[in-house]
């Protein structure tokens, strides 16, 4: 049972992450958030939240100038959620640095 759940968790995470790999950051964020909506206890939760945050950052970065501000605010929300839940994460340094960049804009 546990092994099956692990495999299912991995499969839905990998499927959602595929959008990120294909650089469709808007779709990636939606798909990743849906994974947690369907299963908040997914064992890949930290990675899912990391890729959600990275997706919102890259989506904002690649947006037209007129849309960037609102999209960076979404990144800030995602970042704050991540840091609140995983303050000791190995991804923390990278995300902190992106957050500082965004704050300076």
C-alpha atoms as a PDB file:
ATOM      1  CA  UNK A   1       0.000   0.000   0.000  1.00  0.00           C
ATOM      2  CA  UNK A   2       2.718   2.451   1.001  1.00  0.00           C
ATOM      3  CA  UNK A   3       4.854   1.539  -2.016  1.00  0.00           C
ATOM      4  CA  UNK A   4       1.908   2.002  -4.355  1.00  0.00           C
ATOM      5  CA  UNK A   5       1.124   5.418  -2.847  1.00  0.00           C
ATOM      6  CA  UNK A   6       4.757   6.454  -3.255  1.00  0.00           C
ATOM      7  CA  UNK A   7       4.709   5.457  -6.918  1.00  0.00           C
ATOM      8  CA  UNK A   8       1.446   7.322  -7.481  1.00  0.00           C
ATOM      9  CA  UNK A   9       2.799  10.418  -5.733  1.00  0.00           C
ATOM     10  CA  UNK A  10       5.917  10.310  -7.887  1.00  0.00           C
ATOM     11  CA  UNK A  11       3.924   9.821 -11.087  1.00  0.00           C
ATOM     12  CA  UNK A  12       1.597  12.803 -10.560  1.00  0.00           C
ATOM     13  CA  UNK A  13       4.566  14.967  -9.508  1.00  0.00           C
ATOM     14  CA  UNK A  14       6.602  13.977 -12.590  1.00  0.00           C
ATOM     15  CA  UNK A  15       3.615  14.544 -14.890  1.00  0.00           C
ATOM     16  CA  UNK A  16       3.066  18.053 -13.534  1.00  0.00           C
ATOM     17  CA  UNK A  17       6.794  18.818 -13.601  1.00  0.00           C
ATOM     18  CA  UNK A  18       6.878  17.947 -17.297  1.00  0.00           C
ATOM     19  CA  UNK A  19       5.358  21.362 -18.086  1.00  0.00           C
ATOM     20  CA  UNK A  20       8.240  22.987 -16.219  1.00  0.00           C
ATOM     21  CA  UNK A  21      10.742  20.928 -18.204  1.00  0.00           C
ATOM     22  CA  UNK A  22       9.011  22.025 -21.419  1.00  0.00           C
ATOM     23  CA  UNK A  23       9.252  25.650 -20.189  1.00  0.00           C
ATOM     24  CA  UNK A  24       5.489  26.149 -20.090  1.00  0.00           C
ATOM     25  CA  UNK A  25       5.684  27.858 -16.712  1.00  0.00           C
ATOM     26  CA  UNK A  26       2.066  28.978 -16.511  1.00  0.00           C
ATOM     27  CA  UNK A  27       0.810  25.424 -17.123  1.00  0.00           C
ATOM     28  CA  UNK A  28       3.473  24.031 -14.786  1.00  0.00           C
ATOM     29  CA  UNK A  29       2.291  26.188 -11.890  1.00  0.00           C
ATOM     30  CA  UNK A  30      -1.345  25.215 -12.451  1.00  0.00           C
ATOM     31  CA  UNK A  31      -0.532  21.501 -12.774  1.00  0.00           C
ATOM     32  CA  UNK A  32       1.708  21.497  -9.685  1.00  0.00           C
ATOM     33  CA  UNK A  33      -0.880  23.336  -7.596  1.00  0.00           C
ATOM     34  CA  UNK A  34      -3.507  20.830  -8.734  1.00  0.00           C
ATOM     35  CA  UNK A  35      -1.343  17.953  -7.492  1.00  0.00           C
ATOM     36  CA  UNK A  36      -1.450  19.436  -3.985  1.00  0.00           C
ATOM     37  CA  UNK A  37      -5.137  20.301  -4.296  1.00  0.00           C
ATOM     38  CA  UNK A  38      -5.846  16.629  -5.025  1.00  0.00           C
ATOM     39  CA  UNK A  39      -3.363  15.299  -2.458  1.00  0.00           C
ATOM     40  CA  UNK A  40      -1.962  17.721   0.104  1.00  0.00           C
ATOM     41  CA  UNK A  41       0.034  14.875   1.676  1.00  0.00           C
ATOM     42  CA  UNK A  42       2.018  14.039  -1.483  1.00  0.00           C
ATOM     43  CA  UNK A  43       5.484  12.888  -0.357  1.00  0.00           C
ATOM     44  CA  UNK A  44       7.040  15.195  -2.959  1.00  0.00           C
ATOM     45  CA  UNK A  45       5.328  18.240  -1.443  1.00  0.00           C
ATOM     46  CA  UNK A  46       8.552  20.187  -0.898  1.00  0.00           C
ATOM     47  CA  UNK A  47       9.666  19.632  -4.506  1.00  0.00           C
ATOM     48  CA  UNK A  48       6.190  20.475  -5.784  1.00  0.00           C
ATOM     49  CA  UNK A  49       6.182  23.768  -3.889  1.00  0.00           C
ATOM     50  CA  UNK A  50       9.729  24.494  -5.082  1.00  0.00           C
ATOM     51  CA  UNK A  51       8.777  23.993  -8.742  1.00  0.00           C
ATOM     52  CA  UNK A  52       5.568  25.986  -8.229  1.00  0.00           C
ATOM     53  CA  UNK A  53       7.667  28.896  -6.946  1.00  0.00           C
ATOM     54  CA  UNK A  54      10.235  28.568  -9.733  1.00  0.00           C
ATOM     55  CA  UNK A  55       7.435  28.420 -12.317  1.00  0.00           C
ATOM     56  CA  UNK A  56       5.863  31.635 -11.067  1.00  0.00           C
ATOM     57  CA  UNK A  57       9.277  33.344 -11.059  1.00  0.00           C
ATOM     58  CA  UNK A  58      10.164  32.265 -14.597  1.00  0.00           C
ATOM     59  CA  UNK A  59       6.671  33.045 -15.859  1.00  0.00           C
ATOM     60  CA  UNK A  60       6.956  36.591 -14.470  1.00  0.00           C
ATOM     61  CA  UNK A  61      10.510  37.000 -15.766  1.00  0.00           C
ATOM     62  CA  UNK A  62       9.481  36.067 -19.319  1.00  0.00           C
ATOM     63  CA  UNK A  63       6.266  38.129 -19.281  1.00  0.00           C
ATOM     64  CA  UNK A  64       5.687  41.369 -21.108  1.00  0.00           C
ATOM     65  CA  UNK A  65       6.677  44.353 -19.003  1.00  0.00           C
ATOM     66  CA  UNK A  66       3.081  45.461 -18.345  1.00  0.00           C
ATOM     67  CA  UNK A  67       2.238  42.107 -16.717  1.00  0.00           C
ATOM     68  CA  UNK A  68       5.458  41.555 -14.779  1.00  0.00           C
ATOM     69  CA  UNK A  69       4.576  43.358 -11.577  1.00  0.00           C
ATOM     70  CA  UNK A  70       1.393  41.362 -10.869  1.00  0.00           C
ATOM     71  CA  UNK A  71       3.160  38.126 -11.825  1.00  0.00           C
ATOM     72  CA  UNK A  72       6.109  38.848  -9.558  1.00  0.00           C
ATOM     73  CA  UNK A  73       3.608  39.331  -6.729  1.00  0.00           C
ATOM     74  CA  UNK A  74       2.386  35.778  -7.364  1.00  0.00           C
ATOM     75  CA  UNK A  75       5.999  34.617  -7.116  1.00  0.00           C
ATOM     76  CA  UNK A  76       6.361  36.464  -3.796  1.00  0.00           C
ATOM     77  CA  UNK A  77       3.253  34.656  -2.469  1.00  0.00           C
ATOM     78  CA  UNK A  78       4.610  31.297  -3.608  1.00  0.00           C
ATOM     79  CA  UNK A  79       8.014  32.098  -2.125  1.00  0.00           C
ATOM     80  CA  UNK A  80       6.558  33.079   1.251  1.00  0.00           C
ATOM     81  CA  UNK A  81       4.432  29.908   1.343  1.00  0.00           C
ATOM     82  CA  UNK A  82       7.473  27.783   0.567  1.00  0.00           C
ATOM     83  CA  UNK A  83       9.699  29.448   3.174  1.00  0.00           C
ATOM     84  CA  UNK A  84       6.991  29.212   5.815  1.00  0.00           C
ATOM     85  CA  UNK A  85       6.556  25.497   5.225  1.00  0.00           C
ATOM     86  CA  UNK A  86      10.201  24.551   4.560  1.00  0.00           C
ATOM     87  CA  UNK A  87      12.468  27.087   6.286  1.00  0.00           C
ATOM     88  CA  UNK A  88      15.400  24.627   6.283  1.00  0.00           C
ATOM     89  CA  UNK A  89      15.033  23.510   2.653  1.00  0.00           C
ATOM     90  CA  UNK A  90      18.070  22.912   0.457  1.00  0.00           C
ATOM     91  CA  UNK A  91      16.312  25.178  -2.096  1.00  0.00           C
ATOM     92  CA  UNK A  92      16.170  28.076   0.340  1.00  0.00           C
ATOM     93  CA  UNK A  93      19.341  29.849  -0.768  1.00  0.00           C
ATOM     94  CA  UNK A  94      18.358  29.848  -4.445  1.00  0.00           C
ATOM     95  CA  UNK A  95      14.826  31.068  -3.721  1.00  0.00           C
ATOM     96  CA  UNK A  96      16.052  33.728  -1.272  1.00  0.00           C
ATOM     97  CA  UNK A  97      18.313  35.105  -3.984  1.00  0.00           C
ATOM     98  CA  UNK A  98      15.429  35.276  -6.505  1.00  0.00           C
ATOM     99  CA  UNK A  99      13.258  36.951  -3.884  1.00  0.00           C
ATOM    100  CA  UNK A 100      15.921  39.612  -3.305  1.00  0.00           C
ATOM    101  CA  UNK A 101      16.138  40.235  -7.058  1.00  0.00           C
ATOM    102  CA  UNK A 102      12.375  40.677  -7.262  1.00  0.00           C
ATOM    103  CA  UNK A 103      12.289  43.008  -4.247  1.00  0.00           C
ATOM    104  CA  UNK A 104      14.832  45.271  -5.949  1.00  0.00           C
ATOM    105  CA  UNK A 105      12.583  45.551  -9.007  1.00  0.00           C
END
